[in-house]
């Protein structure tokens, strides 16, 4: 069965919405962590919405669809980072606002003229940063460190950080060398 980007988006949306439902269901057993789990579930739903917007981004005028989709996805990653941080009693509101303001500025400056380049390469950098910060938030949390799941969370977040950093930094070089086939493979 061939996989294309649309199929991957649909799989991601289904997985994210299932994860949100399971996380909310887990609130019944983890009353002391309800706030954090609601933030995490909201992050999963926001990422699913970002994927849905990515599917239809071409239906919006200019770079609006790509910017809206990317900002929604970055918001979802930020919610997950903040949900993880809240398990340790931490809050990163200023950092969150700063990253979103930076993304908005990036899209406003790039506009329609640089939409493809920003969508393909540059927009991956905030996701890489937030994913790395999520790894840091899990690593700092002493109550999570004995749990085996913390290593899974750190591994997945680190994989996101490496993949998106590669998309932002290495993919432009690979695309220059091998053409659009490198972009399609990524």
C-alpha atoms as a PDB file:
ATOM      1  CA  UNK A   1       0.000   0.000   0.000  1.00  0.00           C
ATOM      2  CA  UNK A   2       1.602   3.298  -1.052  1.00  0.00           C
ATOM      3  CA  UNK A   3       1.734   6.103   1.496  1.00  0.00           C
ATOM      4  CA  UNK A   4       1.432   9.681   0.405  1.00  0.00           C
ATOM      5  CA  UNK A   5       1.428  12.840   2.467  1.00  0.00           C
ATOM      6  CA  UNK A   6      -2.377  12.977   2.606  1.00  0.00           C
ATOM      7  CA  UNK A   7      -2.518   9.450   4.054  1.00  0.00           C
ATOM      8  CA  UNK A   8       0.086  10.374   6.673  1.00  0.00           C
ATOM      9  CA  UNK A   9      -1.905  13.472   7.632  1.00  0.00           C
ATOM     10  CA  UNK A  10      -5.069  11.367   8.060  1.00  0.00           C
ATOM     11  CA  UNK A  11      -3.170   8.830  10.188  1.00  0.00           C
ATOM     12  CA  UNK A  12      -1.710  11.625  12.304  1.00  0.00           C
ATOM     13  CA  UNK A  13      -5.135  13.224  12.823  1.00  0.00           C
ATOM     14  CA  UNK A  14      -6.667   9.914  13.907  1.00  0.00           C
ATOM     15  CA  UNK A  15      -3.771   9.097  16.219  1.00  0.00           C
ATOM     16  CA  UNK A  16      -3.763  12.563  17.779  1.00  0.00           C
ATOM     17  CA  UNK A  17      -7.511  12.578  18.416  1.00  0.00           C
ATOM     18  CA  UNK A  18      -7.328   9.062  19.899  1.00  0.00           C
ATOM     19  CA  UNK A  19      -4.451  10.192  22.115  1.00  0.00           C
ATOM     20  CA  UNK A  20      -6.484  13.189  23.277  1.00  0.00           C
ATOM     21  CA  UNK A  21      -9.459  10.970  24.146  1.00  0.00           C
ATOM     22  CA  UNK A  22      -7.274   8.473  26.026  1.00  0.00           C
ATOM     23  CA  UNK A  23      -5.500  11.268  27.889  1.00  0.00           C
ATOM     24  CA  UNK A  24      -8.821  12.751  29.010  1.00  0.00           C
ATOM     25  CA  UNK A  25     -10.038   9.304  30.016  1.00  0.00           C
ATOM     26  CA  UNK A  26      -6.906   8.859  32.145  1.00  0.00           C
ATOM     27  CA  UNK A  27      -7.918  11.969  34.114  1.00  0.00           C
ATOM     28  CA  UNK A  28     -10.365   9.726  36.008  1.00  0.00           C
ATOM     29  CA  UNK A  29      -7.451   7.817  37.532  1.00  0.00           C
ATOM     30  CA  UNK A  30      -5.020  10.740  37.889  1.00  0.00           C
ATOM     31  CA  UNK A  31      -7.029  13.440  39.675  1.00  0.00           C
ATOM     32  CA  UNK A  32      -3.942  15.323  40.833  1.00  0.00           C
ATOM     33  CA  UNK A  33      -2.678  15.639  37.258  1.00  0.00           C
ATOM     34  CA  UNK A  34      -5.964  16.604  35.594  1.00  0.00           C
ATOM     35  CA  UNK A  35      -4.819  20.130  34.680  1.00  0.00           C
ATOM     36  CA  UNK A  36      -1.658  18.854  32.999  1.00  0.00           C
ATOM     37  CA  UNK A  37      -3.520  16.100  31.185  1.00  0.00           C
ATOM     38  CA  UNK A  38      -6.133  18.542  29.869  1.00  0.00           C
ATOM     39  CA  UNK A  39      -3.313  20.735  28.524  1.00  0.00           C
ATOM     40  CA  UNK A  40      -1.754  17.685  26.844  1.00  0.00           C
ATOM     41  CA  UNK A  41      -5.100  16.611  25.346  1.00  0.00           C
ATOM     42  CA  UNK A  42      -5.662  20.160  24.064  1.00  0.00           C
ATOM     43  CA  UNK A  43      -2.192  20.021  22.502  1.00  0.00           C
ATOM     44  CA  UNK A  44      -3.037  16.780  20.689  1.00  0.00           C
ATOM     45  CA  UNK A  45      -6.313  18.262  19.405  1.00  0.00           C
ATOM     46  CA  UNK A  46      -4.514  21.428  18.299  1.00  0.00           C
ATOM     47  CA  UNK A  47      -1.934  19.371  16.395  1.00  0.00           C
ATOM     48  CA  UNK A  48      -4.769  17.443  14.724  1.00  0.00           C
ATOM     49  CA  UNK A  49      -6.355  20.749  13.720  1.00  0.00           C
ATOM     50  CA  UNK A  50      -2.995  21.907  12.336  1.00  0.00           C
ATOM     51  CA  UNK A  51      -2.772  18.743  10.224  1.00  0.00           C
ATOM     52  CA  UNK A  52      -6.315  19.295   8.941  1.00  0.00           C
ATOM     53  CA  UNK A  53      -5.421  22.879   8.046  1.00  0.00           C
ATOM     54  CA  UNK A  54      -2.270  21.653   6.289  1.00  0.00           C
ATOM     55  CA  UNK A  55      -4.430  19.472   4.054  1.00  0.00           C
ATOM     56  CA  UNK A  56      -6.517  22.458   2.908  1.00  0.00           C
ATOM     57  CA  UNK A  57      -3.868  25.206   3.183  1.00  0.00           C
ATOM     58  CA  UNK A  58      -3.964  25.808  -0.582  1.00  0.00           C
ATOM     59  CA  UNK A  59      -7.614  26.867  -0.336  1.00  0.00           C
ATOM     60  CA  UNK A  60      -6.660  30.015   1.582  1.00  0.00           C
ATOM     61  CA  UNK A  61      -5.439  33.190  -0.121  1.00  0.00           C
ATOM     62  CA  UNK A  62      -1.683  33.785  -0.374  1.00  0.00           C
ATOM     63  CA  UNK A  63       0.368  32.384   2.462  1.00  0.00           C
ATOM     64  CA  UNK A  64      -2.540  32.529   4.922  1.00  0.00           C
ATOM     65  CA  UNK A  65      -3.273  28.796   4.868  1.00  0.00           C
ATOM     66  CA  UNK A  66       0.346  27.751   5.334  1.00  0.00           C
ATOM     67  CA  UNK A  67       0.862  30.341   8.086  1.00  0.00           C
ATOM     68  CA  UNK A  68      -2.346  29.353   9.890  1.00  0.00           C
ATOM     69  CA  UNK A  69      -1.508  25.656   9.674  1.00  0.00           C
ATOM     70  CA  UNK A  70       2.076  26.128  10.851  1.00  0.00           C
ATOM     71  CA  UNK A  71       1.095  28.442  13.707  1.00  0.00           C
ATOM     72  CA  UNK A  72      -1.581  25.956  14.799  1.00  0.00           C
ATOM     73  CA  UNK A  73       0.931  23.096  14.767  1.00  0.00           C
ATOM     74  CA  UNK A  74       3.512  25.129  16.692  1.00  0.00           C
ATOM     75  CA  UNK A  75       0.758  25.987  19.202  1.00  0.00           C
ATOM     76  CA  UNK A  76       0.014  22.280  19.635  1.00  0.00           C
ATOM     77  CA  UNK A  77       3.679  21.486  20.259  1.00  0.00           C
ATOM     78  CA  UNK A  78       3.833  24.383  22.734  1.00  0.00           C
ATOM     79  CA  UNK A  79       0.784  23.036  24.582  1.00  0.00           C
ATOM     80  CA  UNK A  80       2.434  19.640  24.867  1.00  0.00           C
ATOM     81  CA  UNK A  81       5.629  21.260  26.169  1.00  0.00           C
ATOM     82  CA  UNK A  82       3.612  23.284  28.671  1.00  0.00           C
ATOM     83  CA  UNK A  83       1.580  20.228  29.686  1.00  0.00           C
ATOM     84  CA  UNK A  84       4.768  18.306  30.423  1.00  0.00           C
ATOM     85  CA  UNK A  85       6.247  21.300  32.254  1.00  0.00           C
ATOM     86  CA  UNK A  86       3.085  21.702  34.337  1.00  0.00           C
ATOM     87  CA  UNK A  87       3.588  18.177  35.711  1.00  0.00           C
ATOM     88  CA  UNK A  88       6.564  19.712  37.516  1.00  0.00           C
ATOM     89  CA  UNK A  89       4.699  22.916  38.423  1.00  0.00           C
ATOM     90  CA  UNK A  90       6.502  24.939  35.743  1.00  0.00           C
ATOM     91  CA  UNK A  91       4.964  27.495  33.399  1.00  0.00           C
ATOM     92  CA  UNK A  92       6.472  28.897  30.227  1.00  0.00           C
ATOM     93  CA  UNK A  93       3.997  31.580  29.199  1.00  0.00           C
ATOM     94  CA  UNK A  94       6.556  34.189  28.097  1.00  0.00           C
ATOM     95  CA  UNK A  95       8.505  31.630  26.091  1.00  0.00           C
ATOM     96  CA  UNK A  96       5.288  30.448  24.453  1.00  0.00           C
ATOM     97  CA  UNK A  97       4.256  33.977  23.511  1.00  0.00           C
ATOM     98  CA  UNK A  98       7.770  34.733  22.240  1.00  0.00           C
ATOM     99  CA  UNK A  99       7.879  31.663  19.988  1.00  0.00           C
ATOM    100  CA  UNK A 100       4.407  32.352  18.581  1.00  0.00           C
ATOM    101  CA  UNK A 101       5.302  36.019  17.999  1.00  0.00           C
ATOM    102  CA  UNK A 102       8.458  34.911  16.203  1.00  0.00           C
ATOM    103  CA  UNK A 103       6.434  32.550  13.991  1.00  0.00           C
ATOM    104  CA  UNK A 104       3.942  35.284  13.185  1.00  0.00           C
ATOM    105  CA  UNK A 105       6.780  37.653  12.284  1.00  0.00           C
ATOM    106  CA  UNK A 106       8.411  34.953  10.144  1.00  0.00           C
ATOM    107  CA  UNK A 107       5.227  34.477   8.113  1.00  0.00           C
ATOM    108  CA  UNK A 108       4.505  38.215   7.901  1.00  0.00           C
ATOM    109  CA  UNK A 109       7.992  38.933   6.578  1.00  0.00           C
ATOM    110  CA  UNK A 110       8.038  35.972   4.178  1.00  0.00           C
ATOM    111  CA  UNK A 111       4.550  36.542   2.825  1.00  0.00           C
ATOM    112  CA  UNK A 112       3.405  34.894  -0.364  1.00  0.00           C
ATOM    113  CA  UNK A 113       6.739  35.430  -2.123  1.00  0.00           C
ATOM    114  CA  UNK A 114       8.650  33.053   0.191  1.00  0.00           C
ATOM    115  CA  UNK A 115       5.736  30.840   1.234  1.00  0.00           C
ATOM    116  CA  UNK A 116       7.124  27.603  -0.232  1.00  0.00           C
ATOM    117  CA  UNK A 117      10.586  28.049   1.286  1.00  0.00           C
ATOM    118  CA  UNK A 118       9.222  28.985   4.699  1.00  0.00           C
ATOM    119  CA  UNK A 119       6.716  26.097   4.683  1.00  0.00           C
ATOM    120  CA  UNK A 120       9.266  23.562   3.445  1.00  0.00           C
ATOM    121  CA  UNK A 121      12.275  24.559   5.556  1.00  0.00           C
ATOM    122  CA  UNK A 122      12.118  27.512   7.951  1.00  0.00           C
ATOM    123  CA  UNK A 123       8.808  26.683   9.670  1.00  0.00           C
ATOM    124  CA  UNK A 124      10.379  23.474  10.983  1.00  0.00           C
ATOM    125  CA  UNK A 125      12.793  25.338  13.253  1.00  0.00           C
ATOM    126  CA  UNK A 126      10.245  26.430  15.910  1.00  0.00           C
ATOM    127  CA  UNK A 127       8.951  22.848  16.071  1.00  0.00           C
ATOM    128  CA  UNK A 128      12.498  21.550  16.530  1.00  0.00           C
ATOM    129  CA  UNK A 129      13.091  24.091  19.306  1.00  0.00           C
ATOM    130  CA  UNK A 130       9.850  23.299  21.145  1.00  0.00           C
ATOM    131  CA  UNK A 131      10.456  19.551  20.823  1.00  0.00           C
ATOM    132  CA  UNK A 132      13.937  19.979  22.325  1.00  0.00           C
ATOM    133  CA  UNK A 133      12.436  22.059  25.140  1.00  0.00           C
ATOM    134  CA  UNK A 134       9.946  19.252  25.769  1.00  0.00           C
ATOM    135  CA  UNK A 135      12.840  16.808  26.193  1.00  0.00           C
ATOM    136  CA  UNK A 136      14.386  19.269  28.644  1.00  0.00           C
ATOM    137  CA  UNK A 137      11.086  19.596  30.579  1.00  0.00           C
ATOM    138  CA  UNK A 138      10.785  15.809  30.946  1.00  0.00           C
ATOM    139  CA  UNK A 139      14.442  15.444  31.937  1.00  0.00           C
ATOM    140  CA  UNK A 140      14.046  18.126  34.644  1.00  0.00           C
ATOM    141  CA  UNK A 141      10.974  16.490  36.179  1.00  0.00           C
ATOM    142  CA  UNK A 142      12.121  14.335  39.090  1.00  0.00           C
ATOM    143  CA  UNK A 143       8.711  12.732  39.539  1.00  0.00           C
ATOM    144  CA  UNK A 144       8.761  11.450  35.948  1.00  0.00           C
ATOM    145  CA  UNK A 145      12.346  10.177  35.881  1.00  0.00           C
ATOM    146  CA  UNK A 146      11.626   6.763  37.502  1.00  0.00           C
ATOM    147  CA  UNK A 147       8.801   6.086  35.037  1.00  0.00           C
ATOM    148  CA  UNK A 148       9.665   4.072  31.914  1.00  0.00           C
ATOM    149  CA  UNK A 149       7.263   6.203  29.911  1.00  0.00           C
ATOM    150  CA  UNK A 150       9.459   9.263  30.491  1.00  0.00           C
ATOM    151  CA  UNK A 151      12.154   7.704  28.321  1.00  0.00           C
ATOM    152  CA  UNK A 152       9.600   7.078  25.566  1.00  0.00           C
ATOM    153  CA  UNK A 153       8.399  10.691  25.738  1.00  0.00           C
ATOM    154  CA  UNK A 154      11.974  11.998  25.645  1.00  0.00           C
ATOM    155  CA  UNK A 155      12.862   9.705  22.734  1.00  0.00           C
ATOM    156  CA  UNK A 156       9.830  10.765  20.680  1.00  0.00           C
ATOM    157  CA  UNK A 157      10.336  14.453  21.422  1.00  0.00           C
ATOM    158  CA  UNK A 158      14.055  14.149  20.621  1.00  0.00           C
ATOM    159  CA  UNK A 159      13.226  12.386  17.350  1.00  0.00           C
ATOM    160  CA  UNK A 160      10.890  15.269  16.466  1.00  0.00           C
ATOM    161  CA  UNK A 161      13.594  17.780  17.355  1.00  0.00           C
ATOM    162  CA  UNK A 162      16.197  16.024  15.196  1.00  0.00           C
ATOM    163  CA  UNK A 163      13.817  15.469  12.264  1.00  0.00           C
ATOM    164  CA  UNK A 164      12.586  19.064  12.191  1.00  0.00           C
ATOM    165  CA  UNK A 165      16.073  20.507  12.724  1.00  0.00           C
ATOM    166  CA  UNK A 166      17.200  18.363   9.788  1.00  0.00           C
ATOM    167  CA  UNK A 167      14.276  19.651   7.746  1.00  0.00           C
ATOM    168  CA  UNK A 168      15.270  23.230   8.513  1.00  0.00           C
ATOM    169  CA  UNK A 169      19.043  22.898   8.203  1.00  0.00           C
ATOM    170  CA  UNK A 170      19.957  19.872   6.061  1.00  0.00           C
ATOM    171  CA  UNK A 171      16.985  19.622   3.701  1.00  0.00           C
ATOM    172  CA  UNK A 172      17.784  22.889   1.863  1.00  0.00           C
ATOM    173  CA  UNK A 173      21.267  21.528   1.115  1.00  0.00           C
ATOM    174  CA  UNK A 174      19.881  18.150   0.041  1.00  0.00           C
ATOM    175  CA  UNK A 175      17.280  19.860  -2.153  1.00  0.00           C
ATOM    176  CA  UNK A 176      19.993  21.958  -3.812  1.00  0.00           C
ATOM    177  CA  UNK A 177      21.990  18.808  -4.512  1.00  0.00           C
ATOM    178  CA  UNK A 178      19.262  16.283  -5.412  1.00  0.00           C
ATOM    179  CA  UNK A 179      16.333  18.502  -6.351  1.00  0.00           C
ATOM    180  CA  UNK A 180      12.668  18.126  -5.440  1.00  0.00           C
ATOM    181  CA  UNK A 181      13.070  14.376  -4.893  1.00  0.00           C
ATOM    182  CA  UNK A 182      14.808  15.129  -1.548  1.00  0.00           C
ATOM    183  CA  UNK A 183      11.937  17.369  -0.459  1.00  0.00           C
ATOM    184  CA  UNK A 184       9.354  14.736  -1.402  1.00  0.00           C
ATOM    185  CA  UNK A 185      11.268  12.040   0.491  1.00  0.00           C
ATOM    186  CA  UNK A 186      11.423  14.216   3.607  1.00  0.00           C
END
